Protein backbone atom coordinates (compact mmCIF):
# COMPACT_ATOMS: atom_id res chain seq x y z
CA MET A 1 0.00 0.00 0.00
CA LYS A 2 1.33 3.45 -0.95
CA ILE A 3 -0.19 6.70 0.35
CA GLY A 4 0.69 9.86 -1.55
CA PHE A 5 1.01 12.86 0.78
CA ASP A 6 1.05 16.48 -0.38
CA ILE A 7 3.55 17.99 2.08
CA MET A 8 3.17 21.50 0.60
CA GLY A 9 -0.57 21.84 1.28
CA GLY A 10 -1.88 23.66 4.35
CA ASP A 11 -1.06 26.84 6.24
CA PHE A 12 1.74 25.23 8.27
CA ALA A 13 3.28 23.03 5.59
CA PRO A 14 5.71 21.46 5.14
CA LYS A 15 6.89 21.41 8.78
CA GLU A 16 3.61 20.29 10.38
CA ALA A 17 2.80 17.96 7.49
CA ILE A 18 6.07 16.10 7.83
CA ALA A 19 5.88 16.05 11.63
CA GLY A 20 2.55 14.26 11.23
CA ALA A 21 3.98 11.92 8.61
CA VAL A 22 6.85 10.88 10.88
CA VAL A 23 4.40 9.92 13.64
CA ALA A 24 2.03 8.17 11.19
CA GLN A 25 4.90 6.22 9.63
CA LYS A 26 5.59 4.49 12.92
CA GLU A 27 2.00 3.21 12.99
CA LEU A 28 1.94 2.36 9.29
CA ALA A 29 5.32 0.60 9.21
CA GLY A 30 4.96 -2.76 7.48
CA ILE A 31 1.46 -1.79 6.28
CA ALA A 32 1.88 1.25 4.07
CA ARG A 33 4.63 3.35 2.54
CA ILE A 34 4.15 7.14 2.61
CA VAL A 35 5.21 9.01 -0.54
CA LEU A 36 6.14 12.61 0.34
CA ILE A 37 5.14 14.83 -2.60
CA GLY A 38 6.79 18.26 -2.68
CA ASP A 39 10.23 19.80 -2.36
CA LYS A 40 12.46 16.77 -1.73
CA GLU A 41 15.27 18.71 -0.04
CA LEU A 42 12.82 20.36 2.36
CA ALA A 43 11.13 17.02 2.98
CA MET A 44 14.35 15.25 3.94
CA HIS A 45 15.42 18.18 6.10
CA HIS A 46 12.18 18.16 8.10
CA VAL A 47 12.08 14.36 8.39
CA THR A 48 15.53 14.48 9.99
CA ASN A 49 14.57 17.39 12.25
CA GLU A 50 11.50 15.50 13.46
CA GLY A 51 13.60 12.49 14.42
CA GLY A 52 12.50 10.37 11.47
CA ASN A 53 14.57 8.21 9.14
CA ILE A 54 14.67 9.51 5.56
CA GLU A 55 14.86 5.90 4.34
CA ASP A 56 11.40 5.20 5.76
CA PHE A 57 9.76 7.37 3.08
CA ASP A 58 9.54 7.62 -0.68
CA TYR A 59 9.89 11.04 -2.33
CA GLN A 60 8.37 12.71 -5.38
CA HIS A 61 10.05 16.05 -6.03
CA THR A 62 7.92 18.99 -7.20
CA THR A 63 8.79 22.64 -7.80
CA GLU A 64 5.41 24.39 -7.60
CA VAL A 65 2.70 24.94 -5.00
CA ILE A 66 -0.97 25.78 -5.53
CA GLY A 67 -1.84 28.53 -3.06
CA MET A 68 -4.98 28.45 -0.95
CA SER A 69 -6.49 31.46 -2.75
CA GLU A 70 -5.65 30.46 -6.32
CA HIS A 71 -8.37 29.67 -8.84
CA PRO A 72 -8.63 25.84 -8.76
CA THR A 73 -9.13 25.11 -12.46
CA LYS A 74 -6.47 27.56 -13.64
CA ALA A 75 -3.99 26.39 -11.03
CA ILE A 76 -4.42 22.70 -11.88
CA SER A 77 -3.99 23.36 -15.61
CA GLN A 78 -1.13 25.86 -15.33
CA LYS A 79 0.91 24.37 -12.48
CA LYS A 80 1.65 20.92 -13.82
CA ASN A 81 4.53 20.41 -11.42
CA SER A 82 2.63 21.42 -8.29
CA SER A 83 2.35 18.93 -5.43
CA ILE A 84 -1.41 18.58 -6.02
CA SER A 85 -1.15 18.07 -9.80
CA VAL A 86 1.68 15.57 -9.45
CA GLY A 87 -0.16 13.75 -6.68
CA PHE A 88 -3.21 13.28 -8.87
CA GLY A 89 -0.99 12.11 -11.72
CA LEU A 90 0.46 9.40 -9.50
CA LEU A 91 -3.02 8.42 -8.33
CA ALA A 92 -4.44 8.27 -11.86
CA HIS A 93 -1.57 6.01 -12.97
CA LYS A 94 -2.03 3.78 -9.89
CA GLN A 95 1.46 4.53 -8.57
CA ILE A 96 -0.16 5.36 -5.22
CA ASN A 97 -3.30 3.91 -3.65
CA ALA A 98 -4.58 7.14 -2.08
CA PHE A 99 -3.80 10.85 -2.17
CA VAL A 100 -3.89 13.06 0.93
CA SER A 101 -3.73 16.87 1.10
CA ALA A 102 -4.74 19.84 3.24
CA GLY A 103 -4.13 22.17 0.33
CA ASN A 104 -6.52 24.17 -1.86
CA THR A 105 -9.87 22.35 -1.49
CA GLY A 106 -11.13 23.56 -4.86
CA ALA A 107 -8.00 22.26 -6.57
CA MET A 108 -8.44 18.91 -4.83
CA LEU A 109 -12.02 18.70 -6.11
CA VAL A 110 -11.04 19.73 -9.64
CA GLY A 111 -8.13 17.30 -9.61
CA SER A 112 -10.42 14.49 -8.51
CA MET A 113 -12.94 15.24 -11.23
CA PHE A 114 -10.42 15.46 -14.07
CA SER A 115 -7.80 12.89 -13.09
CA VAL A 116 -9.41 9.89 -11.39
CA LYS A 117 -12.91 11.08 -12.43
CA PRO A 118 -16.31 10.41 -10.82
CA ILE A 119 -17.56 6.85 -10.46
CA GLU A 120 -19.96 6.03 -13.27
CA GLY A 121 -23.49 6.82 -12.13
CA VAL A 122 -22.49 9.35 -9.48
CA ILE A 123 -24.01 12.69 -10.41
CA ARG A 124 -21.95 14.85 -8.05
CA PRO A 125 -19.04 13.74 -5.84
CA CYS A 126 -19.25 15.35 -2.41
CA VAL A 127 -17.26 16.37 0.65
CA THR A 128 -18.14 15.12 4.10
CA ALA A 129 -17.60 16.10 7.72
CA LEU A 130 -17.66 13.90 10.80
CA VAL A 131 -19.92 15.08 13.62
CA PRO A 132 -19.29 13.78 17.16
CA LYS A 133 -22.40 12.59 18.98
CA SER A 134 -23.21 13.18 22.60
CA ASN A 135 -23.27 9.40 23.20
CA GLY A 136 -19.68 8.99 22.01
CA GLY A 137 -20.52 7.84 18.50
CA VAL A 138 -19.94 9.66 15.25
CA GLY A 139 -22.28 11.01 12.59
CA LEU A 140 -21.70 12.26 9.06
CA LEU A 141 -22.76 15.53 7.45
CA LEU A 142 -22.78 15.83 3.65
CA ASP A 143 -22.30 17.78 1.52
CA VAL A 144 -20.24 20.45 3.29
CA GLY A 145 -19.14 22.67 0.44
CA ALA A 146 -18.53 20.96 -2.89
CA ASN A 147 -22.08 21.44 -4.21
CA ALA A 148 -23.73 24.65 -3.05
CA ASP A 149 -26.87 23.90 -5.08
CA CYS A 150 -28.31 20.40 -5.37
CA LYS A 151 -31.23 18.76 -7.10
CA PRO A 152 -33.29 16.12 -5.26
CA ASP A 153 -31.66 13.17 -7.04
CA VAL A 154 -28.23 14.44 -5.96
CA LEU A 155 -29.35 14.52 -2.32
CA TYR A 156 -30.67 10.99 -2.77
CA GLN A 157 -27.22 9.85 -3.88
CA PHE A 158 -25.56 11.65 -0.97
CA ALA A 159 -27.64 9.45 1.33
CA ILE A 160 -26.22 6.35 -0.36
CA LEU A 161 -22.63 7.60 -0.31
CA GLY A 162 -22.78 8.70 3.31
CA SER A 163 -24.31 5.41 4.42
CA MET A 164 -21.54 3.45 2.72
CA LEU A 165 -18.79 5.54 4.32
CA LEU A 166 -20.22 5.18 7.82
CA GLU A 167 -20.93 1.48 7.43
CA HIS A 168 -17.69 0.33 5.80
CA VAL A 169 -15.09 2.69 7.27
CA TYR A 170 -16.59 3.69 10.63
CA LYS A 171 -18.43 0.38 11.21
CA VAL A 172 -21.87 1.89 11.91
CA SER A 173 -24.42 -0.83 11.20
CA ASN A 174 -27.43 0.16 9.10
CA PRO A 175 -26.88 3.92 9.57
CA LYS A 176 -29.96 6.10 10.00
CA VAL A 177 -30.30 8.72 7.25
CA GLY A 178 -32.02 12.04 7.85
CA LEU A 179 -32.74 14.92 5.47
CA LEU A 180 -31.86 18.26 7.06
CA SER A 181 -34.86 20.58 6.99
CA ILE A 182 -36.80 23.13 9.05
CA GLY A 183 -39.29 20.66 10.46
CA GLU A 184 -39.89 16.94 10.89
CA GLU A 185 -42.99 16.87 8.71
CA LYS A 186 -42.32 15.93 5.10
CA GLU A 187 -44.26 18.96 3.91
CA LYS A 188 -41.73 21.27 5.64
CA GLY A 189 -38.73 22.74 3.84
CA ASN A 190 -37.97 24.32 0.49
CA LEU A 191 -38.88 22.89 -2.90
CA VAL A 192 -35.68 20.84 -3.10
CA THR A 193 -35.99 19.19 0.32
CA ILE A 194 -39.70 18.47 -0.16
CA SER A 195 -38.95 16.79 -3.50
CA ALA A 196 -35.94 14.95 -2.05
CA HIS A 197 -38.07 13.62 0.80
CA HIS A 198 -40.52 12.23 -1.75
CA LEU A 199 -37.66 10.34 -3.46
CA MET A 200 -36.12 9.08 -0.24
CA GLU A 201 -39.14 8.04 1.82
CA ASP A 202 -39.66 4.63 0.18
CA SER A 203 -36.02 3.90 -0.64
CA SER A 204 -34.49 0.47 -0.15
CA ASP A 205 -31.00 1.86 -0.84
CA PHE A 206 -30.58 3.23 2.70
CA HIS A 207 -32.34 3.48 6.06
CA PHE A 208 -34.30 6.74 5.78
CA ILE A 209 -35.87 8.12 8.95
CA GLY A 210 -37.33 11.31 7.50
CA ASN A 211 -36.56 14.97 8.05
CA VAL A 212 -34.26 16.05 10.86
CA GLU A 213 -33.67 19.52 12.28
CA GLY A 214 -30.55 21.36 13.34
CA ARG A 215 -31.03 20.28 16.96
CA ASP A 216 -30.82 16.62 15.90
CA ILE A 217 -27.37 16.83 14.30
CA ILE A 218 -25.38 15.75 17.37
CA SER A 219 -28.06 13.44 18.76
CA ASP A 220 -28.34 9.67 18.45
CA LYS A 221 -31.47 10.12 16.35
CA VAL A 222 -29.58 10.25 13.06
CA ASP A 223 -26.26 8.99 11.66
CA VAL A 224 -26.12 10.49 8.16
CA ILE A 225 -27.34 14.07 7.78
CA VAL A 226 -28.01 14.95 4.13
CA CYS A 227 -28.07 18.52 2.84
CA ASP A 228 -26.75 20.73 0.05
CA GLY A 229 -23.18 22.01 0.31
CA PHE A 230 -24.23 25.56 1.13
CA THR A 231 -26.24 24.48 4.17
CA GLY A 232 -23.69 21.89 5.23
CA ASN A 233 -20.81 24.34 5.16
CA VAL A 234 -22.76 26.85 7.28
CA VAL A 235 -23.59 24.12 9.82
CA LEU A 236 -19.98 22.90 9.93
CA LYS A 237 -18.54 26.39 10.46
CA ALA A 238 -21.15 27.10 13.16
CA LEU A 239 -20.11 23.95 15.05
CA GLU A 240 -16.44 24.88 14.70
CA SER A 241 -17.03 28.44 15.95
CA MET A 242 -18.92 27.17 18.99
CA TYR A 243 -16.05 24.80 19.81
CA TYR A 244 -13.44 27.58 19.62
CA ALA A 245 -15.63 30.03 21.56
CA LEU A 246 -16.08 27.59 24.45
CA ARG A 247 -12.39 26.73 24.49
CA LYS A 248 -11.48 30.43 24.68
CA ARG A 249 -13.74 30.72 27.70
CA GLY A 250 -11.70 28.05 29.44
CA ILE A 251 -14.36 25.35 29.25
CA HIS A 252 -12.82 21.88 29.13
CA ASP A 253 -14.85 18.75 28.53
CA ASP A 254 -14.15 15.42 26.84
CA TYR A 255 -17.17 15.75 24.60
CA LEU A 256 -16.26 19.30 23.64
CA GLU A 257 -12.77 18.13 22.70
CA SER A 258 -14.26 15.57 20.33
CA PHE A 259 -15.15 18.51 18.06
CA ASN A 260 -11.48 19.28 17.53
CA TYR A 261 -10.85 18.66 13.81
CA GLU A 262 -7.38 17.34 14.68
CA ASN A 263 -8.96 14.12 15.95
CA PHE A 264 -10.30 13.24 12.50
CA GLY A 265 -7.70 14.84 10.27
CA GLY A 266 -9.55 14.49 7.01
CA THR A 267 -12.39 12.79 5.18
CA PRO A 268 -12.65 11.31 1.69
CA ILE A 269 -14.17 12.91 -1.37
CA LEU A 270 -17.02 10.48 -1.98
CA GLY A 271 -17.94 9.35 -5.47
CA VAL A 272 -14.57 9.40 -7.28
CA ASN A 273 -12.60 6.44 -8.61
CA ALA A 274 -9.80 6.46 -6.01
CA PRO A 275 -9.34 7.39 -2.35
CA VAL A 276 -8.77 11.15 -2.04
CA ILE A 277 -8.56 12.56 1.50
CA ILE A 278 -8.83 16.28 2.14
CA GLY A 279 -8.02 18.03 5.39
CA HIS A 280 -8.39 21.40 7.06
CA GLY A 281 -6.08 24.15 5.81
CA ILE A 282 -4.95 24.93 9.37
CA SER A 283 -3.98 21.32 10.06
CA ASN A 284 -1.20 20.62 12.54
CA ASP A 285 0.92 17.51 13.00
CA LYS A 286 -1.82 15.57 14.81
CA ALA A 287 -4.36 16.34 12.09
CA PHE A 288 -1.92 15.33 9.34
CA LYS A 289 -1.16 12.08 11.14
CA ASN A 290 -4.86 11.27 11.34
CA MET A 291 -5.36 12.17 7.66
CA LEU A 292 -2.82 9.52 6.71
CA LEU A 293 -4.43 6.95 9.00
CA SER A 294 -7.82 7.79 7.46
CA ALA A 295 -6.37 7.06 4.04
CA ARG A 296 -5.25 3.65 5.28
CA ASP A 297 -8.74 2.93 6.62
CA VAL A 298 -10.44 3.94 3.36
CA ILE A 299 -8.07 1.75 1.34
CA ASP A 300 -8.53 -1.20 3.70
CA SER A 301 -12.32 -0.90 3.57
CA ASN A 302 -12.33 -1.15 -0.25
CA LEU A 303 -14.86 1.71 -0.12
CA VAL A 304 -14.30 2.94 -3.67
CA GLN A 305 -14.99 -0.48 -5.18
CA ILE A 306 -18.04 -0.96 -2.96
CA ILE A 307 -19.48 2.38 -4.14
CA HIS A 308 -18.64 1.50 -7.74
CA ASP A 309 -20.41 -1.84 -7.56
CA SER A 310 -23.43 -0.34 -5.86
CA PHE A 311 -23.88 2.37 -8.47
CA GLN A 312 -23.63 -0.10 -11.32
CA ASN A 313 -26.80 -1.73 -9.99
CA LEU A 314 -28.54 1.44 -8.81
CA VAL A 315 -32.04 2.00 -10.11
CA PRO A 316 -32.74 5.76 -10.25
CA PRO A 317 -35.60 6.74 -7.88
CA SER A 318 -38.89 7.60 -9.55
CA GLN A 319 -39.70 11.29 -9.50
């Protein structure tokens, strides 16, 4: 198993990225080989500084970096020797089994779409976020930013994709799927959610429990919360802001700490033909370590093939 790792992506790269890689390598030794993608001289320097062995890693030298504020499509097409572009090239040619980055999210999405491409039958690949539950479990929110506007059939597919991720990677049996809306009644919501509810209510593709509200997101009532990317991103940022506000007030609690993004590192882009893990731009060494371990888990679960096989047999819901 080879995991490609963009060491130039993120606000604190490459130092924090490589610090995380050195820790992850100890856990992945004998299981996976980490390929450090970026400036090779910098990579070897930081590996040594972090107490790692340069022989424990593979290296793919690059000379360019896609900045966080650059236009994704232009950057991917113009910076062929960037760490993100090279990483996707390696992934497309099966020289690595997964690609991990905390770099420009838009560039990661564009790279996924144009290099490894969406799985046949998937209308829109999506980005997910893990949501800690008050009972110690974990839920999934999707989409959280890749698709600001969604049609009902896209939301239907998000329910399938999210269920598969929770079941096969996070071992949640028969996950409960809820459609995020402004009321539990199926008549509540906007035109898209009302239509999506109609498609989802009799589905045999996932365990649909109906509409859920914002107050249900961290409860045990629901496992997979489905929404468009605009709504999901607002919810995610609201949860993050509450976590940081409470921490600044000196409030310490085990459950509160479970909202720290560092614990999860990153999540996969669902619906593309290879494991692609994206992380937070402000990731530190702990977050990077957990991104790499997430990549291992996604590879081990065979999630991409499971999604592929499922969508080959998927019967589109009747409108």
